[in-house]
Amino acid sequence: MSDAITRALNWVTIVTCVLLADLMYYWDHRLMHRIGVGWATHTVHHSSRHFNMSVAYRFGPLDAVFPLLFSFPIVMLGYHPILVLLAEV
């Protein structure tokens, strides 16, 4: 049994979670371009002159770690982790 407080699931919660997840994705991606170690791992995503689906889904090793740092505050605001995951997808 968990003592965590989560927000009630309704359309306002879903919409605000999607907007927050999108905002956090923007800042995550922006920082991956600005921070040296972030760019070093993220550069494979930009390694081709021709952008297509195979290039879009190339991920470096830190591309799985940095988003967690940006998703955690949304969960701390009371959004259910599964809702945050679905909003990011």
PDB file of N, CA and C in Angstrom:
ATOM      1  N   MET A   1       0.832  -1.178   0.000  1.00  0.00           N
ATOM      2  CA  MET A   1       0.000   0.000   0.000  1.00  0.00           C
ATOM      3  C   MET A   1       0.872   1.235   0.000  1.00  0.00           C
ATOM      4  N   SER A   2       0.537   2.180  -0.831  1.00  0.00           N
ATOM      5  CA  SER A   2       1.353   3.374  -1.003  1.00  0.00           C
ATOM      6  C   SER A   2       0.676   4.573  -0.355  1.00  0.00           C
ATOM      7  N   ASP A   3       1.478   5.433   0.250  1.00  0.00           N
ATOM      8  CA  ASP A   3       0.960   6.668   0.828  1.00  0.00           C
ATOM      9  C   ASP A   3       1.118   7.840  -0.128  1.00  0.00           C
ATOM     10  N   ALA A   4       1.532   7.568  -1.348  1.00  0.00           N
ATOM     11  CA  ALA A   4       1.744   8.633  -2.328  1.00  0.00           C
ATOM     12  C   ALA A   4       0.411   9.265  -2.706  1.00  0.00           C
ATOM     13  N   ILE A   5       0.434  10.569  -2.841  1.00  0.00           N
ATOM     14  CA  ILE A   5      -0.761  11.307  -3.250  1.00  0.00           C
ATOM     15  C   ILE A   5      -0.708  11.486  -4.760  1.00  0.00           C
ATOM     16  N   THR A   6      -1.741  11.021  -5.430  1.00  0.00           N
ATOM     17  CA  THR A   6      -1.815  11.198  -6.877  1.00  0.00           C
ATOM     18  C   THR A   6      -3.073  11.985  -7.210  1.00  0.00           C
ATOM     19  N   ARG A   7      -2.996  12.680  -8.319  1.00  0.00           N
ATOM     20  CA  ARG A   7      -4.137  13.475  -8.769  1.00  0.00           C
ATOM     21  C   ARG A   7      -5.221  12.553  -9.315  1.00  0.00           C
ATOM     22  N   ALA A   8      -6.459  12.993  -9.176  1.00  0.00           N
ATOM     23  CA  ALA A   8      -7.587  12.235  -9.724  1.00  0.00           C
ATOM     24  C   ALA A   8      -7.463  12.198 -11.248  1.00  0.00           C
ATOM     25  N   LEU A   9      -7.824  11.086 -11.833  1.00  0.00           N
ATOM     26  CA  LEU A   9      -7.738  10.935 -13.280  1.00  0.00           C
ATOM     27  C   LEU A   9      -8.993  11.517 -13.928  1.00  0.00           C
ATOM     28  N   ASN A  10      -8.823  12.640 -14.611  1.00  0.00           N
ATOM     29  CA  ASN A  10      -9.905  13.271 -15.359  1.00  0.00           C
ATOM     30  C   ASN A  10      -9.296  13.976 -16.559  1.00  0.00           C
ATOM     31  N   TRP A  11     -10.112  14.608 -17.368  1.00  0.00           N
ATOM     32  CA  TRP A  11      -9.588  15.206 -18.606  1.00  0.00           C
ATOM     33  C   TRP A  11      -8.621  16.352 -18.330  1.00  0.00           C
ATOM     34  N   VAL A  12      -8.816  17.098 -17.242  1.00  0.00           N
ATOM     35  CA  VAL A  12      -7.897  18.192 -16.904  1.00  0.00           C
ATOM     36  C   VAL A  12      -6.531  17.633 -16.536  1.00  0.00           C
ATOM     37  N   THR A  13      -6.519  16.574 -15.757  1.00  0.00           N
ATOM     38  CA  THR A  13      -5.261  15.944 -15.365  1.00  0.00           C
ATOM     39  C   THR A  13      -4.537  15.378 -16.582  1.00  0.00           C
ATOM     40  N   ILE A  14      -5.270  14.755 -17.467  1.00  0.00           N
ATOM     41  CA  ILE A  14      -4.654  14.168 -18.667  1.00  0.00           C
ATOM     42  C   ILE A  14      -4.064  15.263 -19.550  1.00  0.00           C
ATOM     43  N   VAL A  15      -4.835  16.313 -19.801  1.00  0.00           N
ATOM     44  CA  VAL A  15      -4.360  17.404 -20.667  1.00  0.00           C
ATOM     45  C   VAL A  15      -3.153  18.098 -20.049  1.00  0.00           C
ATOM     46  N   THR A  16      -3.210  18.414 -18.754  1.00  0.00           N
ATOM     47  CA  THR A  16      -2.076  19.089 -18.124  1.00  0.00           C
ATOM     48  C   THR A  16      -0.844  18.187 -18.082  1.00  0.00           C
ATOM     49  N   CYS A  17      -1.044  16.888 -17.912  1.00  0.00           N
ATOM     50  CA  CYS A  17       0.085  15.961 -17.910  1.00  0.00           C
ATOM     51  C   CYS A  17       0.741  15.898 -19.290  1.00  0.00           C
ATOM     52  N   VAL A  18      -0.067  15.863 -20.337  1.00  0.00           N
ATOM     53  CA  VAL A  18       0.478  15.854 -21.700  1.00  0.00           C
ATOM     54  C   VAL A  18       1.254  17.143 -21.966  1.00  0.00           C
ATOM     55  N   LEU A  19       0.710  18.278 -21.541  1.00  0.00           N
ATOM     56  CA  LEU A  19       1.399  19.557 -21.745  1.00  0.00           C
ATOM     57  C   LEU A  19       2.700  19.621 -20.951  1.00  0.00           C
ATOM     58  N   LEU A  20       2.674  19.165 -19.714  1.00  0.00           N
ATOM     59  CA  LEU A  20       3.901  19.143 -18.909  1.00  0.00           C
ATOM     60  C   LEU A  20       4.939  18.188 -19.494  1.00  0.00           C
ATOM     61  N   ALA A  21       4.497  17.026 -19.945  1.00  0.00           N
ATOM     62  CA  ALA A  21       5.424  16.057 -20.539  1.00  0.00           C
ATOM     63  C   ALA A  21       6.051  16.625 -21.802  1.00  0.00           C
ATOM     64  N   ASP A  22       5.256  17.338 -22.601  1.00  0.00           N
ATOM     65  CA  ASP A  22       5.779  17.949 -23.823  1.00  0.00           C
ATOM     66  C   ASP A  22       6.789  19.052 -23.485  1.00  0.00           C
ATOM     67  N   LEU A  23       6.476  19.869 -22.491  1.00  0.00           N
ATOM     68  CA  LEU A  23       7.391  20.928 -22.062  1.00  0.00           C
ATOM     69  C   LEU A  23       8.701  20.330 -21.546  1.00  0.00           C
ATOM     70  N   MET A  24       8.601  19.280 -20.761  1.00  0.00           N
ATOM     71  CA  MET A  24       9.809  18.647 -20.231  1.00  0.00           C
ATOM     72  C   MET A  24      10.620  17.975 -21.338  1.00  0.00           C
ATOM     73  N   TYR A  25       9.938  17.405 -22.337  1.00  0.00           N
ATOM     74  CA  TYR A  25      10.656  16.818 -23.466  1.00  0.00           C
ATOM     75  C   TYR A  25      11.431  17.902 -24.219  1.00  0.00           C
ATOM     76  N   TYR A  26      10.803  19.069 -24.385  1.00  0.00           N
ATOM     77  CA  TYR A  26      11.485  20.186 -25.059  1.00  0.00           C
ATOM     78  C   TYR A  26      12.776  20.536 -24.315  1.00  0.00           C
ATOM     79  N   TRP A  27      12.694  20.702 -22.993  1.00  0.00           N
ATOM     80  CA  TRP A  27      13.878  21.087 -22.231  1.00  0.00           C
ATOM     81  C   TRP A  27      14.908  19.970 -22.184  1.00  0.00           C
ATOM     82  N   ASP A  28      14.459  18.739 -22.127  1.00  0.00           N
ATOM     83  CA  ASP A  28      15.378  17.603 -22.178  1.00  0.00           C
ATOM     84  C   ASP A  28      16.158  17.619 -23.487  1.00  0.00           C
ATOM     85  N   HIS A  29      15.452  17.743 -24.601  1.00  0.00           N
ATOM     86  CA  HIS A  29      16.098  17.724 -25.912  1.00  0.00           C
ATOM     87  C   HIS A  29      17.008  18.942 -26.081  1.00  0.00           C
ATOM     88  N   ARG A  30      16.562  20.083 -25.612  1.00  0.00           N
ATOM     89  CA  ARG A  30      17.387  21.292 -25.715  1.00  0.00           C
ATOM     90  C   ARG A  30      18.689  21.149 -24.937  1.00  0.00           C
ATOM     91  N   LEU A  31      18.589  20.596 -23.721  1.00  0.00           N
ATOM     92  CA  LEU A  31      19.802  20.404 -22.932  1.00  0.00           C
ATOM     93  C   LEU A  31      20.718  19.345 -23.530  1.00  0.00           C
ATOM     94  N   MET A  32      20.156  18.345 -24.188  1.00  0.00           N
ATOM     95  CA  MET A  32      20.992  17.346 -24.864  1.00  0.00           C
ATOM     96  C   MET A  32      21.840  18.006 -25.955  1.00  0.00           C
ATOM     97  N   HIS A  33      21.345  19.091 -26.520  1.00  0.00           N
ATOM     98  CA  HIS A  33      22.102  19.820 -27.536  1.00  0.00           C
ATOM     99  C   HIS A  33      23.106  20.783 -26.921  1.00  0.00           C
ATOM    100  N   ARG A  34      22.855  21.251 -25.710  1.00  0.00           N
ATOM    101  CA  ARG A  34      23.678  22.287 -25.085  1.00  0.00           C
ATOM    102  C   ARG A  34      24.801  21.754 -24.196  1.00  0.00           C
ATOM    103  N   ILE A  35      24.553  20.649 -23.503  1.00  0.00           N
ATOM    104  CA  ILE A  35      25.537  20.100 -22.574  1.00  0.00           C
ATOM    105  C   ILE A  35      26.457  19.153 -23.336  1.00  0.00           C
ATOM    106  N   GLY A  36      27.760  19.302 -23.135  1.00  0.00           N
ATOM    107  CA  GLY A  36      28.738  18.522 -23.896  1.00  0.00           C
ATOM    108  C   GLY A  36      28.526  17.022 -23.849  1.00  0.00           C
ATOM    109  N   VAL A  37      28.369  16.461 -22.647  1.00  0.00           N
ATOM    110  CA  VAL A  37      28.191  15.015 -22.539  1.00  0.00           C
ATOM    111  C   VAL A  37      26.838  14.608 -23.137  1.00  0.00           C
ATOM    112  N   GLY A  38      25.850  15.471 -23.041  1.00  0.00           N
ATOM    113  CA  GLY A  38      24.557  15.189 -23.662  1.00  0.00           C
ATOM    114  C   GLY A  38      24.676  15.149 -25.170  1.00  0.00           C
ATOM    115  N   TRP A  39      25.383  16.130 -25.734  1.00  0.00           N
ATOM    116  CA  TRP A  39      25.552  16.174 -27.184  1.00  0.00           C
ATOM    117  C   TRP A  39      26.389  14.996 -27.670  1.00  0.00           C
ATOM    118  N   ALA A  40      27.386  14.600 -26.885  1.00  0.00           N
ATOM    119  CA  ALA A  40      28.242  13.484 -27.289  1.00  0.00           C
ATOM    120  C   ALA A  40      27.439  12.197 -27.457  1.00  0.00           C
ATOM    121  N   THR A  41      26.443  12.002 -26.639  1.00  0.00           N
ATOM    122  CA  THR A  41      25.632  10.791 -26.749  1.00  0.00           C
ATOM    123  C   THR A  41      24.438  10.973 -27.688  1.00  0.00           C
ATOM    124  N   HIS A  42      24.017  12.213 -27.874  1.00  0.00           N
ATOM    125  CA  HIS A  42      22.818  12.500 -28.673  1.00  0.00           C
ATOM    126  C   HIS A  42      23.143  12.719 -30.158  1.00  0.00           C
ATOM    127  N   THR A  43      24.393  12.921 -30.473  1.00  0.00           N
ATOM    128  CA  THR A  43      24.799  13.255 -31.836  1.00  0.00           C
ATOM    129  C   THR A  43      24.469  12.155 -32.851  1.00  0.00           C
ATOM    130  N   VAL A  44      24.342  10.896 -32.405  1.00  0.00           N
ATOM    131  CA  VAL A  44      23.981   9.824 -33.342  1.00  0.00           C
ATOM    132  C   VAL A  44      22.604  10.065 -33.950  1.00  0.00           C
ATOM    133  N   HIS A  45      21.776  10.783 -33.219  1.00  0.00           N
ATOM    134  CA  HIS A  45      20.433  11.131 -33.691  1.00  0.00           C
ATOM    135  C   HIS A  45      20.505  12.126 -34.853  1.00  0.00           C
ATOM    136  N   HIS A  46      21.620  12.859 -34.943  1.00  0.00           N
ATOM    137  CA  HIS A  46      21.789  13.877 -35.976  1.00  0.00           C
ATOM    138  C   HIS A  46      22.936  13.533 -36.921  1.00  0.00           C
ATOM    139  N   SER A  47      23.247  12.268 -37.057  1.00  0.00           N
ATOM    140  CA  SER A  47      24.455  11.869 -37.781  1.00  0.00           C
ATOM    141  C   SER A  47      24.266  11.706 -39.287  1.00  0.00           C
ATOM    142  N   SER A  48      23.068  11.873 -39.791  1.00  0.00           N
ATOM    143  CA  SER A  48      22.832  11.685 -41.215  1.00  0.00           C
ATOM    144  C   SER A  48      22.386  12.999 -41.852  1.00  0.00           C
ATOM    145  N   ARG A  49      22.751  13.184 -43.098  1.00  0.00           N
ATOM    146  CA  ARG A  49      22.271  14.367 -43.825  1.00  0.00           C
ATOM    147  C   ARG A  49      20.823  14.207 -44.251  1.00  0.00           C
ATOM    148  N   HIS A  50      20.339  12.963 -44.274  1.00  0.00           N
ATOM    149  CA  HIS A  50      18.970  12.681 -44.689  1.00  0.00           C
ATOM    150  C   HIS A  50      18.179  12.203 -43.480  1.00  0.00           C
ATOM    151  N   PHE A  51      17.248  13.008 -43.039  1.00  0.00           N
ATOM    152  CA  PHE A  51      16.453  12.648 -41.867  1.00  0.00           C
ATOM    153  C   PHE A  51      15.314  11.738 -42.286  1.00  0.00           C
ATOM    154  N   ASN A  52      15.273  10.548 -41.724  1.00  0.00           N
ATOM    155  CA  ASN A  52      14.202   9.595 -41.985  1.00  0.00           C
ATOM    156  C   ASN A  52      13.912   8.834 -40.698  1.00  0.00           C
ATOM    157  N   MET A  53      13.048   7.853 -40.757  1.00  0.00           N
ATOM    158  CA  MET A  53      12.649   7.135 -39.547  1.00  0.00           C
ATOM    159  C   MET A  53      13.822   6.414 -38.870  1.00  0.00           C
ATOM    160  N   SER A  54      14.730   5.855 -39.654  1.00  0.00           N
ATOM    161  CA  SER A  54      15.849   5.140 -39.041  1.00  0.00           C
ATOM    162  C   SER A  54      16.769   6.097 -38.289  1.00  0.00           C
ATOM    163  N   VAL A  55      16.882   7.327 -38.759  1.00  0.00           N
ATOM    164  CA  VAL A  55      17.695   8.329 -38.075  1.00  0.00           C
ATOM    165  C   VAL A  55      16.935   8.878 -36.865  1.00  0.00           C
ATOM    166  N   ALA A  56      15.631   9.064 -37.011  1.00  0.00           N
ATOM    167  CA  ALA A  56      14.826   9.628 -35.927  1.00  0.00           C
ATOM    168  C   ALA A  56      14.868   8.767 -34.681  1.00  0.00           C
ATOM    169  N   TYR A  57      14.985   7.456 -34.837  1.00  0.00           N
ATOM    170  CA  TYR A  57      14.952   6.561 -33.691  1.00  0.00           C
ATOM    171  C   TYR A  57      16.320   6.058 -33.265  1.00  0.00           C
ATOM    172  N   ARG A  58      17.369   6.728 -33.674  1.00  0.00           N
ATOM    173  CA  ARG A  58      18.704   6.404 -33.162  1.00  0.00           C
ATOM    174  C   ARG A  58      18.859   7.071 -31.809  1.00  0.00           C
ATOM    175  N   PHE A  59      19.251   6.300 -30.817  1.00  0.00           N
ATOM    176  CA  PHE A  59      19.408   6.841 -29.477  1.00  0.00           C
ATOM    177  C   PHE A  59      20.776   6.503 -28.929  1.00  0.00           C
ATOM    178  N   GLY A  60      21.353   7.442 -28.217  1.00  0.00           N
ATOM    179  CA  GLY A  60      22.601   7.209 -27.510  1.00  0.00           C
ATOM    180  C   GLY A  60      22.316   6.666 -26.120  1.00  0.00           C
ATOM    181  N   PRO A  61      23.350   6.283 -25.382  1.00  0.00           N
ATOM    182  CA  PRO A  61      23.141   5.669 -24.068  1.00  0.00           C
ATOM    183  C   PRO A  61      22.493   6.597 -23.038  1.00  0.00           C
ATOM    184  N   LEU A  62      22.749   7.885 -23.097  1.00  0.00           N
ATOM    185  CA  LEU A  62      22.154   8.794 -22.122  1.00  0.00           C
ATOM    186  C   LEU A  62      20.757   9.246 -22.515  1.00  0.00           C
ATOM    187  N   ASP A  63      20.328   8.937 -23.730  1.00  0.00           N
ATOM    188  CA  ASP A  63      18.981   9.305 -24.160  1.00  0.00           C
ATOM    189  C   ASP A  63      17.909   8.545 -23.387  1.00  0.00           C
ATOM    190  N   ALA A  64      18.291   7.534 -22.646  1.00  0.00           N
ATOM    191  CA  ALA A  64      17.345   6.814 -21.798  1.00  0.00           C
ATOM    192  C   ALA A  64      17.390   7.325 -20.362  1.00  0.00           C
ATOM    193  N   VAL A  65      18.469   8.014 -19.991  1.00  0.00           N
ATOM    194  CA  VAL A  65      18.648   8.466 -18.612  1.00  0.00           C
ATOM    195  C   VAL A  65      18.125   9.888 -18.416  1.00  0.00           C
ATOM    196  N   PHE A  66      18.499  10.810 -19.291  1.00  0.00           N
ATOM    197  CA  PHE A  66      18.094  12.207 -19.125  1.00  0.00           C
ATOM    198  C   PHE A  66      16.579  12.402 -19.055  1.00  0.00           C
ATOM    199  N   PRO A  67      15.776  11.726 -19.868  1.00  0.00           N
ATOM    200  CA  PRO A  67      14.327  11.924 -19.756  1.00  0.00           C
ATOM    201  C   PRO A  67      13.770  11.568 -18.379  1.00  0.00           C
ATOM    202  N   LEU A  68      14.377  10.623 -17.706  1.00  0.00           N
ATOM    203  CA  LEU A  68      13.918  10.278 -16.356  1.00  0.00           C
ATOM    204  C   LEU A  68      14.067  11.455 -15.401  1.00  0.00           C
ATOM    205  N   LEU A  69      15.141  12.220 -15.576  1.00  0.00           N
ATOM    206  CA  LEU A  69      15.363  13.391 -14.731  1.00  0.00           C
ATOM    207  C   LEU A  69      14.283  14.448 -14.952  1.00  0.00           C
ATOM    208  N   PHE A  70      13.715  14.479 -16.145  1.00  0.00           N
ATOM    209  CA  PHE A  70      12.680  15.453 -16.453  1.00  0.00           C
ATOM    210  C   PHE A  70      11.279  14.914 -16.177  1.00  0.00           C
ATOM    211  N   SER A  71      11.112  13.615 -16.128  1.00  0.00           N
ATOM    212  CA  SER A  71       9.809  13.023 -15.823  1.00  0.00           C
ATOM    213  C   SER A  71       9.547  12.981 -14.323  1.00  0.00           C
ATOM    214  N   PHE A  72      10.602  12.850 -13.554  1.00  0.00           N
ATOM    215  CA  PHE A  72      10.468  12.730 -12.110  1.00  0.00           C
ATOM    216  C   PHE A  72       9.723  13.920 -11.484  1.00  0.00           C
ATOM    217  N   PRO A  73      10.011  15.169 -11.865  1.00  0.00           N
ATOM    218  CA  PRO A  73       9.258  16.284 -11.270  1.00  0.00           C
ATOM    219  C   PRO A  73       7.752  16.227 -11.561  1.00  0.00           C
ATOM    220  N   ILE A  74       7.370  15.700 -12.710  1.00  0.00           N
ATOM    221  CA  ILE A  74       5.941  15.589 -13.025  1.00  0.00           C
ATOM    222  C   ILE A  74       5.284  14.592 -12.071  1.00  0.00           C
ATOM    223  N   VAL A  75       5.966  13.501 -11.815  1.00  0.00           N
ATOM    224  CA  VAL A  75       5.452  12.510 -10.865  1.00  0.00           C
ATOM    225  C   VAL A  75       5.392  13.113  -9.466  1.00  0.00           C
ATOM    226  N   MET A  76       6.386  13.916  -9.114  1.00  0.00           N
ATOM    227  CA  MET A  76       6.399  14.550  -7.798  1.00  0.00           C
ATOM    228  C   MET A  76       5.264  15.565  -7.641  1.00  0.00           C
ATOM    229  N   LEU A  77       4.740  16.077  -8.744  1.00  0.00           N
ATOM    230  CA  LEU A  77       3.587  16.979  -8.694  1.00  0.00           C
ATOM    231  C   LEU A  77       2.273  16.230  -8.470  1.00  0.00           C
ATOM    232  N   GLY A  78       2.332  14.904  -8.447  1.00  0.00           N
ATOM    233  CA  GLY A  78       1.154  14.102  -8.133  1.00  0.00           C
ATOM    234  C   GLY A  78       0.544  13.369  -9.315  1.00  0.00           C
ATOM    235  N   TYR A  79       1.163  13.440 -10.473  1.00  0.00           N
ATOM    236  CA  TYR A  79       0.662  12.706 -11.632  1.00  0.00           C
ATOM    237  C   TYR A  79       1.122  11.258 -11.532  1.00  0.00           C
ATOM    238  N   HIS A  80       0.242  10.354 -11.850  1.00  0.00           N
ATOM    239  CA  HIS A  80       0.571   8.926 -11.769  1.00  0.00           C
ATOM    240  C   HIS A  80       1.677   8.599 -12.778  1.00  0.00           C
ATOM    241  N   PRO A  81       2.675   7.807 -12.387  1.00  0.00           N
ATOM    242  CA  PRO A  81       3.782   7.483 -13.293  1.00  0.00           C
ATOM    243  C   PRO A  81       3.330   6.864 -14.620  1.00  0.00           C
ATOM    244  N   ILE A  82       2.282   6.043 -14.595  1.00  0.00           N
ATOM    245  CA  ILE A  82       1.792   5.438 -15.842  1.00  0.00           C
ATOM    246  C   ILE A  82       1.201   6.511 -16.750  1.00  0.00           C
ATOM    247  N   LEU A  83       0.498   7.484 -16.163  1.00  0.00           N
ATOM    248  CA  LEU A  83      -0.048   8.590 -16.950  1.00  0.00           C
ATOM    249  C   LEU A  83       1.078   9.408 -17.571  1.00  0.00           C
ATOM    250  N   VAL A  84       2.136   9.646 -16.815  1.00  0.00           N
ATOM    251  CA  VAL A  84       3.291  10.382 -17.342  1.00  0.00           C
ATOM    252  C   VAL A  84       3.924   9.605 -18.499  1.00  0.00           C
ATOM    253  N   LEU A  85       4.088   8.311 -18.324  1.00  0.00           N
ATOM    254  CA  LEU A  85       4.648   7.474 -19.394  1.00  0.00           C
ATOM    255  C   LEU A  85       3.782   7.543 -20.645  1.00  0.00           C
ATOM    256  N   LEU A  86       2.479   7.403 -20.481  1.00  0.00           N
ATOM    257  CA  LEU A  86       1.572   7.465 -21.641  1.00  0.00           C
ATOM    258  C   LEU A  86       1.582   8.847 -22.276  1.00  0.00           C
ATOM    259  N   ALA A  87       1.686   9.889 -21.481  1.00  0.00           N
ATOM    260  CA  ALA A  87       1.731  11.250 -22.019  1.00  0.00           C
ATOM    261  C   ALA A  87       3.013  11.459 -22.832  1.00  0.00           C
ATOM    262  N   GLU A  88       4.095  10.845 -22.419  1.00  0.00           N
ATOM    263  CA  GLU A  88       5.355  10.980 -23.144  1.00  0.00           C
ATOM    264  C   GLU A  88       5.343  10.172 -24.444  1.00  0.00           C
ATOM    265  N   VAL A  89       4.626   9.077 -24.438  1.00  0.00           N
ATOM    266  CA  VAL A  89       4.551   8.244 -25.646  1.00  0.00           C
ATOM    267  C   VAL A  89       3.710   8.961 -26.681  1.00  0.00           C
TER     268      VAL A  89
END
